[in-house]
Amino acid sequence: MVNKLISQLASVEILTPKLDDTLWFFKDVLGLYEVGRKDRSVYLRGWEDWYAYSLKITEASTSGVKEITWRTYSEEDLYTAIKIIESKGLGLGWDNGEPDMGVGKGYKFMLPTGQVGKLVWEMKLWRASGNLRSGYRARPIKKPLQGVQAKDLAHLFVFAFDSNSLKSAVDLFKSLTWHVTEILKNGDQILTYWGAFNGTAHDMAIGLDPSGIPGRLNHLTFNVDYADDILRAADLYSDYDLEIVGGPIRHGITDSHSLYVKEPGGNLIELLHGGYINVVPDWEPVVWDTKEDENRWLYYWGHVKEAFWDGSPVPKDKVDPELRELIRQKLGK
């Protein structure tokens, strides 16, 4: 019997140098709900996110990812996962949580790829009240009236700064019961892993970054309810002068429909529809090879622009100073 330590990807905190413009994108264009503000941060959620928020946007001098939060299956699983993390020398210690957002204390750690992660057990389910309460009893809030009505946080793609950090990150997450579903290779070199804690085709991808800069984000993804929502989003992006860098496309990997755009703060954001469910216990990862499959793993049909390959650009001199110091301490980079 396999004990799953991690329940799901719960939230992601991203950075933006253009807070108002980034909020316009996520609220007016994607249709996320704002549920709170604190200092330089704003908390947002989709209409089918289960907890109070899935996206935290923090004003900074750069773009990128600041913190990734996963929920464990139980308090006992939280401490089991912490022991695994500490055995690898990646622990950063506890925070006080965000009680006003229904989030208990969390244990922070450094991913071998340079991003900061956090594990939490205590998280309250969230339900709207009053006029925003949905008649669908399991639905946390009514669908919004504006934008493309992004549904919930789907996954994120983080960069690894070299092959060793890629392997170490995958080994860490596999020890935390992450299920690898698909792999991209170039001959003998592994480029990217896709996998999930939650039984979807993937809730995280980890890929090799030619820039060699630790801690970078490739993209962050929200699900949409209908495939047509992706076409509607493409219309809105074009009308409002947002840079579409990929799609609409159908991925070979994960077999899903997709659209990529640069939000005004510089982060690459994907909308996704479809993809398979995978709870097969003895699943062997599907392997794609660029030498045989070329780019069909990314766009089985459709097209991406050259800018897609850069992900969410963060130059070396723009890495968040706090993150840079943590990377130096924990990874020696």
C-alpha atoms as a PDB file:
ATOM      1  CA  MET A   1       0.000   0.000   0.000  1.00  0.00           C
ATOM      2  CA  VAL A   2       1.347   3.417  -0.990  1.00  0.00           C
ATOM      3  CA  ASN A   3       0.837   6.255   1.454  1.00  0.00           C
ATOM      4  CA  LYS A   4       0.428   9.505  -0.471  1.00  0.00           C
ATOM      5  CA  LEU A   5       2.109  12.221   1.564  1.00  0.00           C
ATOM      6  CA  ILE A   6       1.029  15.217  -0.519  1.00  0.00           C
ATOM      7  CA  SER A   7      -2.601  15.918  -1.341  1.00  0.00           C
ATOM      8  CA  GLN A   8      -2.350  18.695  -3.910  1.00  0.00           C
ATOM      9  CA  LEU A   9      -0.822  21.903  -5.164  1.00  0.00           C
ATOM     10  CA  ALA A  10      -2.665  24.508  -3.089  1.00  0.00           C
ATOM     11  CA  SER A  11      -1.323  27.926  -4.109  1.00  0.00           C
ATOM     12  CA  VAL A  12       1.473  29.799  -5.850  1.00  0.00           C
ATOM     13  CA  GLU A  13       2.889  33.226  -5.039  1.00  0.00           C
ATOM     14  CA  ILE A  14       4.236  35.149  -8.011  1.00  0.00           C
ATOM     15  CA  LEU A  15       6.083  38.462  -8.222  1.00  0.00           C
ATOM     16  CA  THR A  16       5.338  41.402 -10.484  1.00  0.00           C
ATOM     17  CA  PRO A  17       6.881  44.848 -10.996  1.00  0.00           C
ATOM     18  CA  LYS A  18       3.478  46.097 -12.280  1.00  0.00           C
ATOM     19  CA  LEU A  19       0.985  45.174  -9.589  1.00  0.00           C
ATOM     20  CA  ASP A  20      -2.018  47.120 -10.902  1.00  0.00           C
ATOM     21  CA  ASP A  21      -1.552  45.882 -14.466  1.00  0.00           C
ATOM     22  CA  THR A  22      -1.044  42.291 -13.333  1.00  0.00           C
ATOM     23  CA  LEU A  23      -4.201  42.486 -11.199  1.00  0.00           C
ATOM     24  CA  TRP A  24      -6.137  43.836 -14.174  1.00  0.00           C
ATOM     25  CA  PHE A  25      -5.039  40.793 -16.160  1.00  0.00           C
ATOM     26  CA  PHE A  26      -5.957  38.199 -13.543  1.00  0.00           C
ATOM     27  CA  LYS A  27      -9.203  39.840 -12.417  1.00  0.00           C
ATOM     28  CA  ASP A  28     -10.678  41.444 -15.536  1.00  0.00           C
ATOM     29  CA  VAL A  29      -9.259  39.185 -18.237  1.00  0.00           C
ATOM     30  CA  LEU A  30      -8.998  35.784 -16.524  1.00  0.00           C
ATOM     31  CA  GLY A  31     -11.924  36.458 -14.181  1.00  0.00           C
ATOM     32  CA  LEU A  32     -10.318  35.497 -10.865  1.00  0.00           C
ATOM     33  CA  TYR A  33     -11.917  36.770  -7.649  1.00  0.00           C
ATOM     34  CA  GLU A  34      -9.966  38.995  -5.255  1.00  0.00           C
ATOM     35  CA  VAL A  35     -10.377  37.711  -1.695  1.00  0.00           C
ATOM     36  CA  GLY A  36      -7.888  39.752   0.313  1.00  0.00           C
ATOM     37  CA  ARG A  37      -4.967  42.187   0.515  1.00  0.00           C
ATOM     38  CA  LYS A  38      -2.033  42.389   2.869  1.00  0.00           C
ATOM     39  CA  ASP A  39       0.887  44.808   2.567  1.00  0.00           C
ATOM     40  CA  ARG A  40       2.132  44.506  -1.040  1.00  0.00           C
ATOM     41  CA  SER A  41       0.268  41.253  -1.732  1.00  0.00           C
ATOM     42  CA  VAL A  42      -3.157  40.478  -3.215  1.00  0.00           C
ATOM     43  CA  TYR A  43      -4.937  37.105  -2.902  1.00  0.00           C
ATOM     44  CA  LEU A  44      -7.008  35.666  -5.756  1.00  0.00           C
ATOM     45  CA  ARG A  45      -8.986  32.504  -6.508  1.00  0.00           C
ATOM     46  CA  GLY A  46     -10.809  30.766  -9.341  1.00  0.00           C
ATOM     47  CA  TRP A  47     -14.449  29.721  -9.021  1.00  0.00           C
ATOM     48  CA  GLU A  48     -13.559  26.102  -8.309  1.00  0.00           C
ATOM     49  CA  ASP A  49     -10.480  26.469  -6.122  1.00  0.00           C
ATOM     50  CA  TRP A  50     -11.219  24.660  -2.857  1.00  0.00           C
ATOM     51  CA  TYR A  51      -9.295  26.862  -0.436  1.00  0.00           C
ATOM     52  CA  ALA A  52      -9.444  30.600   0.188  1.00  0.00           C
ATOM     53  CA  TYR A  53      -6.940  31.464  -2.541  1.00  0.00           C
ATOM     54  CA  SER A  54      -4.773  29.767  -5.126  1.00  0.00           C
ATOM     55  CA  LEU A  55      -2.780  32.772  -6.335  1.00  0.00           C
ATOM     56  CA  LYS A  56      -0.902  35.351  -4.298  1.00  0.00           C
ATOM     57  CA  ILE A  57       0.516  38.276  -6.254  1.00  0.00           C
ATOM     58  CA  THR A  58       3.267  40.310  -4.584  1.00  0.00           C
ATOM     59  CA  GLU A  59       4.720  43.571  -5.845  1.00  0.00           C
ATOM     60  CA  ALA A  60       8.484  43.384  -6.380  1.00  0.00           C
ATOM     61  CA  SER A  61      11.235  44.678  -8.645  1.00  0.00           C
ATOM     62  CA  THR A  62      11.007  41.598 -10.853  1.00  0.00           C
ATOM     63  CA  SER A  63       8.670  38.864 -12.063  1.00  0.00           C
ATOM     64  CA  GLY A  64       8.902  35.160 -11.210  1.00  0.00           C
ATOM     65  CA  VAL A  65       7.776  32.739  -8.523  1.00  0.00           C
ATOM     66  CA  LYS A  66       8.275  33.448  -4.821  1.00  0.00           C
ATOM     67  CA  GLU A  67       6.654  30.497  -3.059  1.00  0.00           C
ATOM     68  CA  ILE A  68       4.839  27.250  -3.972  1.00  0.00           C
ATOM     69  CA  THR A  69       2.503  25.674  -1.415  1.00  0.00           C
ATOM     70  CA  TRP A  70       1.346  22.071  -1.246  1.00  0.00           C
ATOM     71  CA  ARG A  71      -1.101  20.552   1.240  1.00  0.00           C
ATOM     72  CA  THR A  72      -0.319  17.214   2.884  1.00  0.00           C
ATOM     73  CA  TYR A  73      -2.835  14.426   3.459  1.00  0.00           C
ATOM     74  CA  SER A  74      -2.600  14.700   7.258  1.00  0.00           C
ATOM     75  CA  GLU A  75      -0.587  16.278  10.036  1.00  0.00           C
ATOM     76  CA  GLU A  76       1.360  13.034  10.396  1.00  0.00           C
ATOM     77  CA  ASP A  77       2.188  13.129   6.691  1.00  0.00           C
ATOM     78  CA  LEU A  78       3.405  16.706   7.080  1.00  0.00           C
ATOM     79  CA  TYR A  79       6.018  15.642   9.620  1.00  0.00           C
ATOM     80  CA  THR A  80       7.002  12.591   7.567  1.00  0.00           C
ATOM     81  CA  ALA A  81       7.571  14.839   4.561  1.00  0.00           C
ATOM     82  CA  ILE A  82       9.593  17.285   6.657  1.00  0.00           C
ATOM     83  CA  LYS A  83      11.933  14.487   7.747  1.00  0.00           C
ATOM     84  CA  ILE A  84      12.551  13.602   4.116  1.00  0.00           C
ATOM     85  CA  ILE A  85      13.268  17.239   3.238  1.00  0.00           C
ATOM     86  CA  GLU A  86      15.567  17.762   6.211  1.00  0.00           C
ATOM     87  CA  SER A  87      17.498  14.588   5.398  1.00  0.00           C
ATOM     88  CA  LYS A  88      18.478  16.284   2.146  1.00  0.00           C
ATOM     89  CA  GLY A  89      19.526  19.499   3.874  1.00  0.00           C
ATOM     90  CA  LEU A  90      16.836  21.606   2.206  1.00  0.00           C
ATOM     91  CA  GLY A  91      14.739  22.748   5.177  1.00  0.00           C
ATOM     92  CA  LEU A  92      14.144  26.464   5.794  1.00  0.00           C
ATOM     93  CA  GLY A  93      11.920  26.286   8.879  1.00  0.00           C
ATOM     94  CA  TRP A  94       8.373  27.224   9.864  1.00  0.00           C
ATOM     95  CA  ASP A  95       6.267  30.280   9.165  1.00  0.00           C
ATOM     96  CA  ASN A  96       3.224  31.473  11.119  1.00  0.00           C
ATOM     97  CA  GLY A  97       0.709  30.697   8.414  1.00  0.00           C
ATOM     98  CA  GLU A  98      -2.090  33.026   7.327  1.00  0.00           C
ATOM     99  CA  PRO A  99      -4.934  32.444   9.802  1.00  0.00           C
ATOM    100  CA  ASP A 100      -7.104  35.141   8.224  1.00  0.00           C
ATOM    101  CA  MET A 101      -6.954  33.113   5.008  1.00  0.00           C
ATOM    102  CA  GLY A 102      -7.640  29.804   6.699  1.00  0.00           C
ATOM    103  CA  VAL A 103      -4.042  28.607   6.322  1.00  0.00           C
ATOM    104  CA  GLY A 104      -2.114  27.177   9.262  1.00  0.00           C
ATOM    105  CA  LYS A 105       1.623  27.224   9.850  1.00  0.00           C
ATOM    106  CA  GLY A 106       3.753  25.935   7.010  1.00  0.00           C
ATOM    107  CA  TYR A 107       7.181  24.381   6.663  1.00  0.00           C
ATOM    108  CA  LYS A 108       9.346  26.067   4.041  1.00  0.00           C
ATOM    109  CA  PHE A 109      12.060  24.359   2.041  1.00  0.00           C
ATOM    110  CA  MET A 110      14.361  24.973  -0.884  1.00  0.00           C
ATOM    111  CA  LEU A 111      13.740  23.034  -4.058  1.00  0.00           C
ATOM    112  CA  PRO A 112      17.021  21.749  -5.532  1.00  0.00           C
ATOM    113  CA  THR A 113      16.156  23.884  -8.572  1.00  0.00           C
ATOM    114  CA  GLY A 114      16.192  27.100  -6.522  1.00  0.00           C
ATOM    115  CA  GLN A 115      12.503  27.851  -5.920  1.00  0.00           C
ATOM    116  CA  VAL A 116      10.989  28.039  -2.414  1.00  0.00           C
ATOM    117  CA  GLY A 117       8.325  25.485  -1.488  1.00  0.00           C
ATOM    118  CA  LYS A 118       6.070  25.138   1.534  1.00  0.00           C
ATOM    119  CA  LEU A 119       4.089  22.261   3.048  1.00  0.00           C
ATOM    120  CA  VAL A 120       0.897  22.884   5.027  1.00  0.00           C
ATOM    121  CA  TRP A 121      -1.660  20.606   6.642  1.00  0.00           C
ATOM    122  CA  GLU A 122      -4.148  23.031   8.228  1.00  0.00           C
ATOM    123  CA  MET A 123      -6.189  24.584   5.415  1.00  0.00           C
ATOM    124  CA  LYS A 124      -9.891  25.399   5.649  1.00  0.00           C
ATOM    125  CA  LEU A 125     -12.251  24.722   2.794  1.00  0.00           C
ATOM    126  CA  TRP A 126     -13.705  27.984   1.471  1.00  0.00           C
ATOM    127  CA  ARG A 127     -17.293  28.769   0.529  1.00  0.00           C
ATOM    128  CA  ALA A 128     -18.775  32.075  -0.616  1.00  0.00           C
ATOM    129  CA  SER A 129     -21.706  33.553   1.245  1.00  0.00           C
ATOM    130  CA  GLY A 130     -24.591  35.833   0.290  1.00  0.00           C
ATOM    131  CA  ASN A 131     -25.179  36.599  -3.378  1.00  0.00           C
ATOM    132  CA  LEU A 132     -21.986  34.850  -4.488  1.00  0.00           C
ATOM    133  CA  ARG A 133     -23.007  31.473  -3.059  1.00  0.00           C
ATOM    134  CA  SER A 134     -23.581  29.029  -5.918  1.00  0.00           C
ATOM    135  CA  GLY A 135     -26.646  26.851  -6.370  1.00  0.00           C
ATOM    136  CA  TYR A 136     -24.248  24.028  -7.267  1.00  0.00           C
ATOM    137  CA  ARG A 137     -23.652  22.882  -3.702  1.00  0.00           C
ATOM    138  CA  ALA A 138     -20.130  21.576  -4.237  1.00  0.00           C
ATOM    139  CA  ARG A 139     -19.052  24.713  -6.100  1.00  0.00           C
ATOM    140  CA  PRO A 140     -17.267  27.196  -3.786  1.00  0.00           C
ATOM    141  CA  ILE A 141     -18.534  30.341  -5.532  1.00  0.00           C
ATOM    142  CA  LYS A 142     -20.587  31.394  -8.541  1.00  0.00           C
ATOM    143  CA  LYS A 143     -18.924  31.666 -11.907  1.00  0.00           C
ATOM    144  CA  PRO A 144     -17.769  35.257 -12.466  1.00  0.00           C
ATOM    145  CA  LEU A 145     -19.513  37.497 -14.964  1.00  0.00           C
ATOM    146  CA  GLN A 146     -16.280  38.883 -16.429  1.00  0.00           C
ATOM    147  CA  GLY A 147     -13.286  37.565 -18.337  1.00  0.00           C
ATOM    148  CA  VAL A 148     -12.688  33.979 -19.435  1.00  0.00           C
ATOM    149  CA  GLN A 149     -13.863  32.539 -16.092  1.00  0.00           C
ATOM    150  CA  ALA A 150     -10.649  30.689 -15.179  1.00  0.00           C
ATOM    151  CA  LYS A 151     -11.676  27.695 -13.104  1.00  0.00           C
ATOM    152  CA  ASP A 152      -8.839  26.692 -10.775  1.00  0.00           C
ATOM    153  CA  LEU A 153      -5.078  26.404 -10.394  1.00  0.00           C
ATOM    154  CA  ALA A 154      -3.899  23.551 -12.617  1.00  0.00           C
ATOM    155  CA  HIS A 155      -0.106  23.330 -12.437  1.00  0.00           C
ATOM    156  CA  LEU A 156       3.165  25.169 -12.693  1.00  0.00           C
ATOM    157  CA  PHE A 157       6.331  24.529 -14.669  1.00  0.00           C
ATOM    158  CA  VAL A 158       9.606  25.374 -12.915  1.00  0.00           C
ATOM    159  CA  PHE A 159      13.069  25.487 -14.422  1.00  0.00           C
ATOM    160  CA  ALA A 160      16.098  23.509 -13.244  1.00  0.00           C
ATOM    161  CA  PHE A 161      19.397  25.339 -13.664  1.00  0.00           C
ATOM    162  CA  ASP A 162      21.383  22.211 -14.630  1.00  0.00           C
ATOM    163  CA  SER A 163      21.011  18.447 -15.045  1.00  0.00           C
ATOM    164  CA  ASN A 164      22.017  17.686 -11.458  1.00  0.00           C
ATOM    165  CA  SER A 165      19.423  20.050 -10.009  1.00  0.00           C
ATOM    166  CA  LEU A 166      16.796  18.541 -12.314  1.00  0.00           C
ATOM    167  CA  LYS A 167      17.569  15.010 -11.130  1.00  0.00           C
ATOM    168  CA  SER A 168      17.735  16.063  -7.458  1.00  0.00           C
ATOM    169  CA  ALA A 169      14.380  17.851  -7.658  1.00  0.00           C
ATOM    170  CA  VAL A 170      12.669  14.866  -9.287  1.00  0.00           C
ATOM    171  CA  ASP A 171      14.193  12.489  -6.729  1.00  0.00           C
ATOM    172  CA  LEU A 172      12.945  14.729  -3.906  1.00  0.00           C
ATOM    173  CA  PHE A 173       9.400  14.937  -5.233  1.00  0.00           C
ATOM    174  CA  LYS A 174       9.242  11.231  -6.005  1.00  0.00           C
ATOM    175  CA  SER A 175      10.199  10.575  -2.363  1.00  0.00           C
ATOM    176  CA  LEU A 176       7.240  12.815  -1.439  1.00  0.00           C
ATOM    177  CA  THR A 177       5.022  10.510  -3.596  1.00  0.00           C
ATOM    178  CA  TRP A 178       4.958  12.586  -6.795  1.00  0.00           C
ATOM    179  CA  HIS A 179       3.859  10.369  -9.709  1.00  0.00           C
ATOM    180  CA  VAL A 180       5.914  10.920 -12.909  1.00  0.00           C
ATOM    181  CA  THR A 181       3.630  10.600 -15.946  1.00  0.00           C
ATOM    182  CA  GLU A 182       5.712  11.711 -18.948  1.00  0.00           C
ATOM    183  CA  ILE A 183       9.341  12.489 -19.796  1.00  0.00           C
ATOM    184  CA  LEU A 184      10.980  14.500 -22.577  1.00  0.00           C
ATOM    185  CA  LYS A 185      14.456  13.511 -23.788  1.00  0.00           C
ATOM    186  CA  ASN A 186      16.920  14.622 -26.411  1.00  0.00           C
ATOM    187  CA  GLY A 187      18.711  11.376 -27.146  1.00  0.00           C
ATOM    188  CA  ASP A 188      20.328  10.334 -23.860  1.00  0.00           C
ATOM    189  CA  GLN A 189      19.704  13.646 -22.087  1.00  0.00           C
ATOM    190  CA  ILE A 190      16.504  14.086 -20.072  1.00  0.00           C
ATOM    191  CA  LEU A 191      15.064  17.577 -20.542  1.00  0.00           C
ATOM    192  CA  THR A 192      11.767  17.658 -18.625  1.00  0.00           C
ATOM    193  CA  TYR A 193       9.585  15.611 -16.280  1.00  0.00           C
ATOM    194  CA  TRP A 194       5.790  15.900 -15.915  1.00  0.00           C
ATOM    195  CA  GLY A 195       4.006  14.419 -12.902  1.00  0.00           C
ATOM    196  CA  ALA A 196       1.318  14.854 -10.288  1.00  0.00           C
ATOM    197  CA  PHE A 197       0.415  14.328  -6.661  1.00  0.00           C
ATOM    198  CA  ASN A 198      -3.310  14.563  -7.362  1.00  0.00           C
ATOM    199  CA  GLY A 199      -4.039  12.041 -10.121  1.00  0.00           C
ATOM    200  CA  THR A 200      -4.177  14.497 -13.033  1.00  0.00           C
ATOM    201  CA  ALA A 201      -1.853  14.271 -16.029  1.00  0.00           C
ATOM    202  CA  HIS A 202       0.379  16.730 -14.171  1.00  0.00           C
ATOM    203  CA  ASP A 203       0.293  19.342 -11.438  1.00  0.00           C
ATOM    204  CA  MET A 204       3.954  20.248 -11.908  1.00  0.00           C
ATOM    205  CA  ALA A 205       6.609  20.019 -14.598  1.00  0.00           C
ATOM    206  CA  ILE A 206      10.335  20.452 -14.029  1.00  0.00           C
ATOM    207  CA  GLY A 207      12.501  21.228 -17.038  1.00  0.00           C
ATOM    208  CA  LEU A 208      16.098  22.042 -17.859  1.00  0.00           C
ATOM    209  CA  ASP A 209      16.805  25.767 -18.291  1.00  0.00           C
ATOM    210  CA  PRO A 210      19.530  26.778 -20.780  1.00  0.00           C
ATOM    211  CA  SER A 211      20.054  30.076 -18.897  1.00  0.00           C
ATOM    212  CA  GLY A 212      21.540  28.307 -15.862  1.00  0.00           C
ATOM    213  CA  ILE A 213      19.812  30.757 -13.475  1.00  0.00           C
ATOM    214  CA  PRO A 214      18.395  29.115 -10.307  1.00  0.00           C
ATOM    215  CA  GLY A 215      14.833  29.679  -9.123  1.00  0.00           C
ATOM    216  CA  ARG A 216      13.150  30.571 -12.413  1.00  0.00           C
ATOM    217  CA  LEU A 217       9.533  30.043 -13.398  1.00  0.00           C
ATOM    218  CA  ASN A 218       8.575  28.802 -16.841  1.00  0.00           C
ATOM    219  CA  HIS A 219       4.813  29.268 -16.511  1.00  0.00           C
ATOM    220  CA  LEU A 220       1.764  29.079 -14.245  1.00  0.00           C
ATOM    221  CA  THR A 221      -1.479  27.478 -15.436  1.00  0.00           C
ATOM    222  CA  PHE A 222      -5.202  27.753 -14.734  1.00  0.00           C
ATOM    223  CA  ASN A 223      -7.884  25.371 -15.992  1.00  0.00           C
ATOM    224  CA  VAL A 224     -10.909  26.548 -17.956  1.00  0.00           C
ATOM    225  CA  ASP A 225     -14.300  24.833 -18.031  1.00  0.00           C
ATOM    226  CA  TYR A 226     -14.806  24.513 -21.790  1.00  0.00           C
ATOM    227  CA  ALA A 227     -12.456  24.217 -24.762  1.00  0.00           C
ATOM    228  CA  ASP A 228     -14.211  27.259 -26.267  1.00  0.00           C
ATOM    229  CA  ASP A 229     -12.937  29.338 -23.334  1.00  0.00           C
ATOM    230  CA  ILE A 230      -9.456  29.092 -24.842  1.00  0.00           C
ATOM    231  CA  LEU A 231     -10.678  30.631 -28.109  1.00  0.00           C
ATOM    232  CA  ARG A 232     -12.509  33.343 -26.175  1.00  0.00           C
ATOM    233  CA  ALA A 233      -9.312  34.083 -24.255  1.00  0.00           C
ATOM    234  CA  ALA A 234      -7.352  34.363 -27.519  1.00  0.00           C
ATOM    235  CA  ASP A 235      -9.855  36.974 -28.726  1.00  0.00           C
ATOM    236  CA  LEU A 236      -9.553  38.961 -25.491  1.00  0.00           C
ATOM    237  CA  TYR A 237      -5.757  38.779 -25.465  1.00  0.00           C
ATOM    238  CA  SER A 238      -5.645  40.055 -29.059  1.00  0.00           C
ATOM    239  CA  ASP A 239      -8.191  42.826 -28.459  1.00  0.00           C
ATOM    240  CA  TYR A 240      -6.352  44.087 -25.366  1.00  0.00           C
ATOM    241  CA  ASP A 241      -2.814  43.926 -26.815  1.00  0.00           C
ATOM    242  CA  LEU A 242      -1.552  41.044 -24.677  1.00  0.00           C
ATOM    243  CA  GLU A 243       1.278  39.026 -26.192  1.00  0.00           C
ATOM    244  CA  ILE A 244       0.178  35.505 -27.125  1.00  0.00           C
ATOM    245  CA  VAL A 245       3.356  33.396 -27.237  1.00  0.00           C
ATOM    246  CA  GLY A 246       1.785  30.005 -27.885  1.00  0.00           C
ATOM    247  CA  GLY A 247      -1.475  28.549 -29.119  1.00  0.00           C
ATOM    248  CA  PRO A 248      -4.164  27.733 -29.333  1.00  0.00           C
ATOM    249  CA  ILE A 249      -2.428  24.344 -29.471  1.00  0.00           C
ATOM    250  CA  ARG A 250      -2.963  20.731 -28.497  1.00  0.00           C
ATOM    251  CA  HIS A 251      -0.113  19.254 -26.470  1.00  0.00           C
ATOM    252  CA  GLY A 252       1.242  15.835 -27.286  1.00  0.00           C
ATOM    253  CA  ILE A 253       2.362  15.491 -23.678  1.00  0.00           C
ATOM    254  CA  THR A 254      -0.693  15.352 -21.352  1.00  0.00           C
ATOM    255  CA  ASP A 255      -3.067  15.480 -24.394  1.00  0.00           C
ATOM    256  CA  SER A 256      -4.595  18.863 -23.515  1.00  0.00           C
ATOM    257  CA  HIS A 257      -5.606  22.137 -25.209  1.00  0.00           C
ATOM    258  CA  SER A 258      -3.550  25.185 -24.302  1.00  0.00           C
ATOM    259  CA  LEU A 259      -2.944  28.921 -24.753  1.00  0.00           C
ATOM    260  CA  TYR A 260       0.045  30.923 -23.465  1.00  0.00           C
ATOM    261  CA  VAL A 261       0.249  34.670 -22.859  1.00  0.00           C
ATOM    262  CA  LYS A 262       2.620  37.141 -21.202  1.00  0.00           C
ATOM    263  CA  GLU A 263       0.762  38.993 -18.456  1.00  0.00           C
ATOM    264  CA  PRO A 264       1.770  42.679 -18.068  1.00  0.00           C
ATOM    265  CA  GLY A 265       4.216  41.927 -15.232  1.00  0.00           C
ATOM    266  CA  GLY A 266       6.215  39.543 -17.424  1.00  0.00           C
ATOM    267  CA  ASN A 267       5.067  36.132 -16.167  1.00  0.00           C
ATOM    268  CA  LEU A 268       4.041  33.488 -18.695  1.00  0.00           C
ATOM    269  CA  ILE A 269       0.487  32.281 -17.991  1.00  0.00           C
ATOM    270  CA  GLU A 270      -1.204  29.272 -19.558  1.00  0.00           C
ATOM    271  CA  LEU A 271      -4.878  28.392 -19.848  1.00  0.00           C
ATOM    272  CA  LEU A 272      -5.571  24.664 -20.096  1.00  0.00           C
ATOM    273  CA  HIS A 273      -8.485  22.435 -20.969  1.00  0.00           C
ATOM    274  CA  GLY A 274      -8.516  18.647 -20.825  1.00  0.00           C
ATOM    275  CA  GLY A 275      -5.685  16.244 -20.170  1.00  0.00           C
ATOM    276  CA  TYR A 276      -6.067  12.742 -18.825  1.00  0.00           C
ATOM    277  CA  ILE A 277      -6.612  11.449 -15.293  1.00  0.00           C
ATOM    278  CA  ASN A 278      -3.986   8.944 -14.177  1.00  0.00           C
ATOM    279  CA  VAL A 279      -4.224   6.908 -10.982  1.00  0.00           C
ATOM    280  CA  VAL A 280      -2.610   3.762 -12.468  1.00  0.00           C
ATOM    281  CA  PRO A 281      -0.377   2.460  -9.633  1.00  0.00           C
ATOM    282  CA  ASP A 282       2.196   0.773 -11.886  1.00  0.00           C
ATOM    283  CA  TRP A 283       2.231   3.413 -14.638  1.00  0.00           C
ATOM    284  CA  GLU A 284       5.476   3.620 -16.590  1.00  0.00           C
ATOM    285  CA  PRO A 285       6.201   7.187 -17.728  1.00  0.00           C
ATOM    286  CA  VAL A 286       5.599   7.872 -21.407  1.00  0.00           C
ATOM    287  CA  VAL A 287       8.860   8.984 -23.031  1.00  0.00           C
ATOM    288  CA  TRP A 288       9.089  11.502 -25.878  1.00  0.00           C
ATOM    289  CA  ASP A 289      12.330  12.144 -27.755  1.00  0.00           C
ATOM    290  CA  THR A 290      12.942  15.363 -29.660  1.00  0.00           C
ATOM    291  CA  LYS A 291      15.110  13.416 -32.119  1.00  0.00           C
ATOM    292  CA  GLU A 292      12.111  11.307 -33.118  1.00  0.00           C
ATOM    293  CA  ASP A 293       9.092  13.437 -32.163  1.00  0.00           C
ATOM    294  CA  GLU A 294      10.541  16.915 -32.839  1.00  0.00           C
ATOM    295  CA  ASN A 295       8.156  19.408 -31.163  1.00  0.00           C
ATOM    296  CA  ARG A 296       4.994  17.270 -31.243  1.00  0.00           C
ATOM    297  CA  TRP A 297       5.339  16.803 -27.483  1.00  0.00           C
ATOM    298  CA  LEU A 298       4.590  20.534 -27.103  1.00  0.00           C
ATOM    299  CA  TYR A 299       2.244  21.217 -30.022  1.00  0.00           C
ATOM    300  CA  TYR A 300       0.811  18.181 -31.733  1.00  0.00           C
ATOM    301  CA  TRP A 301      -1.050  20.822 -33.662  1.00  0.00           C
ATOM    302  CA  GLY A 302      -0.819  24.600 -33.369  1.00  0.00           C
ATOM    303  CA  HIS A 303       2.182  26.866 -33.047  1.00  0.00           C
ATOM    304  CA  VAL A 304       4.325  28.675 -30.464  1.00  0.00           C
ATOM    305  CA  LYS A 305       6.448  31.808 -30.903  1.00  0.00           C
ATOM    306  CA  GLU A 306      10.159  31.941 -30.210  1.00  0.00           C
ATOM    307  CA  ALA A 307       9.434  33.948 -27.031  1.00  0.00           C
ATOM    308  CA  PHE A 308       7.673  30.900 -25.560  1.00  0.00           C
ATOM    309  CA  TRP A 309      10.974  29.134 -24.972  1.00  0.00           C
ATOM    310  CA  ASP A 310      12.181  31.847 -22.577  1.00  0.00           C
ATOM    311  CA  GLY A 311       9.446  31.139 -20.033  1.00  0.00           C
ATOM    312  CA  SER A 312       9.117  33.973 -17.516  1.00  0.00           C
ATOM    313  CA  PRO A 313      12.419  35.819 -18.041  1.00  0.00           C
ATOM    314  CA  VAL A 314      14.377  36.874 -14.976  1.00  0.00           C
ATOM    315  CA  PRO A 315      17.917  38.162 -15.729  1.00  0.00           C
ATOM    316  CA  LYS A 316      20.671  37.250 -13.277  1.00  0.00           C
ATOM    317  CA  ASP A 317      20.741  40.761 -11.873  1.00  0.00           C
ATOM    318  CA  LYS A 318      16.957  40.715 -11.297  1.00  0.00           C
ATOM    319  CA  VAL A 319      16.634  37.569  -9.159  1.00  0.00           C
ATOM    320  CA  ASP A 320      14.772  38.506  -5.969  1.00  0.00           C
ATOM    321  CA  PRO A 321      17.489  39.406  -3.390  1.00  0.00           C
ATOM    322  CA  GLU A 322      15.917  37.322  -0.608  1.00  0.00           C
ATOM    323  CA  LEU A 323      15.696  34.305  -2.899  1.00  0.00           C
ATOM    324  CA  ARG A 324      19.258  34.839  -4.119  1.00  0.00           C
ATOM    325  CA  GLU A 325      20.559  34.642  -0.538  1.00  0.00           C
ATOM    326  CA  LEU A 326      18.575  31.461   0.210  1.00  0.00           C
ATOM    327  CA  ILE A 327      19.927  29.855  -2.972  1.00  0.00           C
ATOM    328  CA  ARG A 328      23.468  30.786  -1.942  1.00  0.00           C
ATOM    329  CA  GLN A 329      22.998  29.279   1.541  1.00  0.00           C
ATOM    330  CA  LYS A 330      21.251  26.062   0.541  1.00  0.00           C
ATOM    331  CA  LEU A 331      22.577  25.316  -2.938  1.00  0.00           C
ATOM    332  CA  GLY A 332      25.884  27.158  -2.994  1.00  0.00           C
ATOM    333  CA  LYS A 333      24.950  28.909  -6.231  1.00  0.00           C
END
